[in-house]
Amino acid sequence: MKANPNRNIQPAPNSGFFSDLSTRIKLILRLLADGRVNPLIKILPIASLVYLIVPDLAPGPLDDALIIWLGAYLFVELCPPEVVEEHLKKIRSSVVNQLYEERKTEFRPEDIEDAEYWEEPKS
């Protein structure tokens, strides 16, 4: 498989750590459910999570975190690029739409109150 220099599966540059983590988890879950992804590749993230349960030789959480990160990274890299891009666009568009909906305000006639406005004279 040849590398595509135009492939951009990295998170947005201005987003935060938890936002990137959330996007990556959503992407992995969507790719696991997608039938276009090879079933053998789907073993990677599942096996990395099983590694957490199975007692390992190296004590400490560092090796567990490394295995999970490596499994997730390899899984996304080995998935078909067009499928990854499709899911990333859907995830990003849903986040943008959600932010838009939260900021959008509609005024109903019953929300508007009748009031008077006057300026007090300056002393």
C-alpha atoms as a PDB file:
ATOM      1  CA  MET A   1       0.000   0.000   0.000  1.00  0.00           C
ATOM      2  CA  LYS A   2       1.496   3.329  -1.039  1.00  0.00           C
ATOM      3  CA  ALA A   3       1.348   6.375   1.167  1.00  0.00           C
ATOM      4  CA  ASN A   4      -0.907   9.252   0.177  1.00  0.00           C
ATOM      5  CA  PRO A   5       0.704  12.610   1.050  1.00  0.00           C
ATOM      6  CA  ASN A   6      -2.691  14.349   0.879  1.00  0.00           C
ATOM      7  CA  ARG A   7      -4.228  12.089   3.505  1.00  0.00           C
ATOM      8  CA  ASN A   8      -5.201  14.111   6.539  1.00  0.00           C
ATOM      9  CA  ILE A   9      -6.521  12.021   9.406  1.00  0.00           C
ATOM     10  CA  GLN A  10      -5.077  14.214  12.104  1.00  0.00           C
ATOM     11  CA  PRO A  11      -7.380  16.161  14.418  1.00  0.00           C
ATOM     12  CA  ALA A  12      -8.060  19.822  13.803  1.00  0.00           C
ATOM     13  CA  PRO A  13      -5.085  21.980  14.888  1.00  0.00           C
ATOM     14  CA  ASN A  14      -7.059  24.308  17.183  1.00  0.00           C
ATOM     15  CA  SER A  15      -9.006  21.671  19.071  1.00  0.00           C
ATOM     16  CA  GLY A  16      -8.186  20.532  22.581  1.00  0.00           C
ATOM     17  CA  PHE A  17      -6.934  17.219  23.904  1.00  0.00           C
ATOM     18  CA  PHE A  18     -10.328  15.924  25.033  1.00  0.00           C
ATOM     19  CA  SER A  19     -11.999  17.022  21.815  1.00  0.00           C
ATOM     20  CA  ASP A  20      -9.353  15.161  19.796  1.00  0.00           C
ATOM     21  CA  LEU A  21      -9.734  12.106  22.008  1.00  0.00           C
ATOM     22  CA  SER A  22     -13.500  12.193  21.615  1.00  0.00           C
ATOM     23  CA  THR A  23     -13.211  12.508  17.827  1.00  0.00           C
ATOM     24  CA  ARG A  24     -10.723   9.627  17.666  1.00  0.00           C
ATOM     25  CA  ILE A  25     -12.948   7.352  19.776  1.00  0.00           C
ATOM     26  CA  LYS A  26     -16.002   8.172  17.642  1.00  0.00           C
ATOM     27  CA  LEU A  27     -13.972   7.502  14.498  1.00  0.00           C
ATOM     28  CA  ILE A  28     -12.778   4.124  15.779  1.00  0.00           C
ATOM     29  CA  LEU A  29     -16.305   3.090  16.801  1.00  0.00           C
ATOM     30  CA  ARG A  30     -17.685   4.113  13.411  1.00  0.00           C
ATOM     31  CA  LEU A  31     -14.914   2.232  11.587  1.00  0.00           C
ATOM     32  CA  LEU A  32     -15.521  -0.882  13.681  1.00  0.00           C
ATOM     33  CA  ALA A  33     -19.183  -0.810  12.627  1.00  0.00           C
ATOM     34  CA  ASP A  34     -18.403  -0.171   8.949  1.00  0.00           C
ATOM     35  CA  GLY A  35     -18.600  -3.229   6.703  1.00  0.00           C
ATOM     36  CA  ARG A  36     -16.055  -1.830   4.244  1.00  0.00           C
ATOM     37  CA  VAL A  37     -13.243  -2.250   6.786  1.00  0.00           C
ATOM     38  CA  ASN A  38     -11.415  -5.585   6.718  1.00  0.00           C
ATOM     39  CA  PRO A  39     -12.467  -7.767   9.702  1.00  0.00           C
ATOM     40  CA  LEU A  40      -8.847  -8.712  10.392  1.00  0.00           C
ATOM     41  CA  ILE A  41      -7.944  -5.050  10.843  1.00  0.00           C
ATOM     42  CA  LYS A  42     -10.803  -4.682  13.338  1.00  0.00           C
ATOM     43  CA  ILE A  43      -8.916  -7.043  15.640  1.00  0.00           C
ATOM     44  CA  LEU A  44      -6.290  -4.352  16.402  1.00  0.00           C
ATOM     45  CA  PRO A  45      -8.316  -2.026  18.679  1.00  0.00           C
ATOM     46  CA  ILE A  46     -10.131  -4.956  20.276  1.00  0.00           C
ATOM     47  CA  ALA A  47      -6.871  -6.773  21.004  1.00  0.00           C
ATOM     48  CA  SER A  48      -5.344  -3.622  22.482  1.00  0.00           C
ATOM     49  CA  LEU A  49      -8.288  -3.336  24.891  1.00  0.00           C
ATOM     50  CA  VAL A  50      -8.019  -7.039  25.795  1.00  0.00           C
ATOM     51  CA  TYR A  51      -4.389  -6.311  26.698  1.00  0.00           C
ATOM     52  CA  LEU A  52      -5.699  -4.144  29.564  1.00  0.00           C
ATOM     53  CA  ILE A  53      -7.537  -7.093  31.091  1.00  0.00           C
ATOM     54  CA  VAL A  54      -4.821  -9.696  30.661  1.00  0.00           C
ATOM     55  CA  PRO A  55      -2.055  -9.430  33.260  1.00  0.00           C
ATOM     56  CA  ASP A  56       1.131  -8.254  31.615  1.00  0.00           C
ATOM     57  CA  LEU A  57       4.803  -8.564  32.403  1.00  0.00           C
ATOM     58  CA  ALA A  58       5.603  -4.856  32.639  1.00  0.00           C
ATOM     59  CA  PRO A  59       4.039  -3.186  35.684  1.00  0.00           C
ATOM     60  CA  GLY A  60       2.521   0.239  35.414  1.00  0.00           C
ATOM     61  CA  PRO A  61       0.059   2.025  33.148  1.00  0.00           C
ATOM     62  CA  LEU A  62       2.623   3.348  30.668  1.00  0.00           C
ATOM     63  CA  ASP A  63       2.888   0.154  28.624  1.00  0.00           C
ATOM     64  CA  ASP A  64      -0.915  -0.226  28.622  1.00  0.00           C
ATOM     65  CA  ALA A  65      -1.361   3.316  27.306  1.00  0.00           C
ATOM     66  CA  LEU A  66       1.287   2.721  24.652  1.00  0.00           C
ATOM     67  CA  ILE A  67      -0.378  -0.485  23.430  1.00  0.00           C
ATOM     68  CA  ILE A  68      -3.815   1.161  23.272  1.00  0.00           C
ATOM     69  CA  TRP A  69      -2.428   4.180  21.414  1.00  0.00           C
ATOM     70  CA  LEU A  70      -0.485   1.982  18.984  1.00  0.00           C
ATOM     71  CA  GLY A  71      -3.497  -0.266  18.326  1.00  0.00           C
ATOM     72  CA  ALA A  72      -5.786   2.708  17.689  1.00  0.00           C
ATOM     73  CA  TYR A  73      -3.236   4.474  15.495  1.00  0.00           C
ATOM     74  CA  LEU A  74      -2.495   1.400  13.374  1.00  0.00           C
ATOM     75  CA  PHE A  75      -6.193   0.598  13.050  1.00  0.00           C
ATOM     76  CA  VAL A  76      -7.018   4.034  11.626  1.00  0.00           C
ATOM     77  CA  GLU A  77      -3.949   4.009   9.376  1.00  0.00           C
ATOM     78  CA  LEU A  78      -4.748   0.570   7.946  1.00  0.00           C
ATOM     79  CA  CYS A  79      -8.397   1.345   7.229  1.00  0.00           C
ATOM     80  CA  PRO A  80      -9.247   2.471   3.676  1.00  0.00           C
ATOM     81  CA  PRO A  81      -8.489   6.226   3.443  1.00  0.00           C
ATOM     82  CA  GLU A  82     -11.771   7.098   1.718  1.00  0.00           C
ATOM     83  CA  VAL A  83     -13.763   5.385   4.483  1.00  0.00           C
ATOM     84  CA  VAL A  84     -11.781   7.201   7.185  1.00  0.00           C
ATOM     85  CA  GLU A  85     -12.277  10.570   5.445  1.00  0.00           C
ATOM     86  CA  GLU A  86     -16.003   9.920   5.036  1.00  0.00           C
ATOM     87  CA  HIS A  87     -16.457   9.185   8.738  1.00  0.00           C
ATOM     88  CA  LEU A  88     -14.259  12.111   9.804  1.00  0.00           C
ATOM     89  CA  LYS A  89     -16.333  14.501   7.695  1.00  0.00           C
ATOM     90  CA  LYS A  90     -19.540  13.175   9.244  1.00  0.00           C
ATOM     91  CA  ILE A  91     -18.138  13.472  12.777  1.00  0.00           C
ATOM     92  CA  ARG A  92     -16.844  16.996  12.196  1.00  0.00           C
ATOM     93  CA  SER A  93     -20.042  18.149  10.512  1.00  0.00           C
ATOM     94  CA  SER A  94     -22.139  16.777  13.365  1.00  0.00           C
ATOM     95  CA  VAL A  95     -19.956  18.638  15.878  1.00  0.00           C
ATOM     96  CA  VAL A  96     -20.231  21.873  13.874  1.00  0.00           C
ATOM     97  CA  ASN A  97     -24.005  21.476  13.574  1.00  0.00           C
ATOM     98  CA  GLN A  98     -24.272  20.763  17.287  1.00  0.00           C
ATOM     99  CA  LEU A  99     -22.289  23.907  18.143  1.00  0.00           C
ATOM    100  CA  TYR A 100     -24.415  25.913  15.728  1.00  0.00           C
ATOM    101  CA  GLU A 101     -27.626  24.629  17.302  1.00  0.00           C
ATOM    102  CA  GLU A 102     -26.388  25.493  20.789  1.00  0.00           C
ATOM    103  CA  ARG A 103     -25.558  29.069  19.790  1.00  0.00           C
ATOM    104  CA  LYS A 104     -28.631  29.648  17.653  1.00  0.00           C
ATOM    105  CA  THR A 105     -31.331  31.571  19.447  1.00  0.00           C
ATOM    106  CA  GLU A 106     -34.870  32.006  18.270  1.00  0.00           C
ATOM    107  CA  PHE A 107     -37.150  34.659  19.606  1.00  0.00           C
ATOM    108  CA  ARG A 108     -40.768  33.837  20.105  1.00  0.00           C
ATOM    109  CA  PRO A 109     -43.282  36.659  20.540  1.00  0.00           C
ATOM    110  CA  GLU A 110     -43.994  35.553  24.125  1.00  0.00           C
ATOM    111  CA  ASP A 111     -40.276  35.856  24.976  1.00  0.00           C
ATOM    112  CA  ILE A 112     -40.227  39.584  24.173  1.00  0.00           C
ATOM    113  CA  GLU A 113     -41.259  41.859  27.004  1.00  0.00           C
ATOM    114  CA  ASP A 114     -42.574  45.343  26.520  1.00  0.00           C
ATOM    115  CA  ALA A 115     -40.455  47.854  28.374  1.00  0.00           C
ATOM    116  CA  GLU A 116     -39.493  51.503  28.391  1.00  0.00           C
ATOM    117  CA  TYR A 117     -35.993  52.848  28.078  1.00  0.00           C
ATOM    118  CA  TRP A 118     -34.728  56.190  29.201  1.00  0.00           C
ATOM    119  CA  GLU A 119     -31.366  57.698  29.967  1.00  0.00           C
ATOM    120  CA  GLU A 120     -30.718  59.313  33.271  1.00  0.00           C
ATOM    121  CA  PRO A 121     -29.299  62.797  33.095  1.00  0.00           C
ATOM    122  CA  LYS A 122     -25.590  62.992  33.698  1.00  0.00           C
ATOM    123  CA  SER A 123     -24.610  64.901  36.800  1.00  0.00           C
END
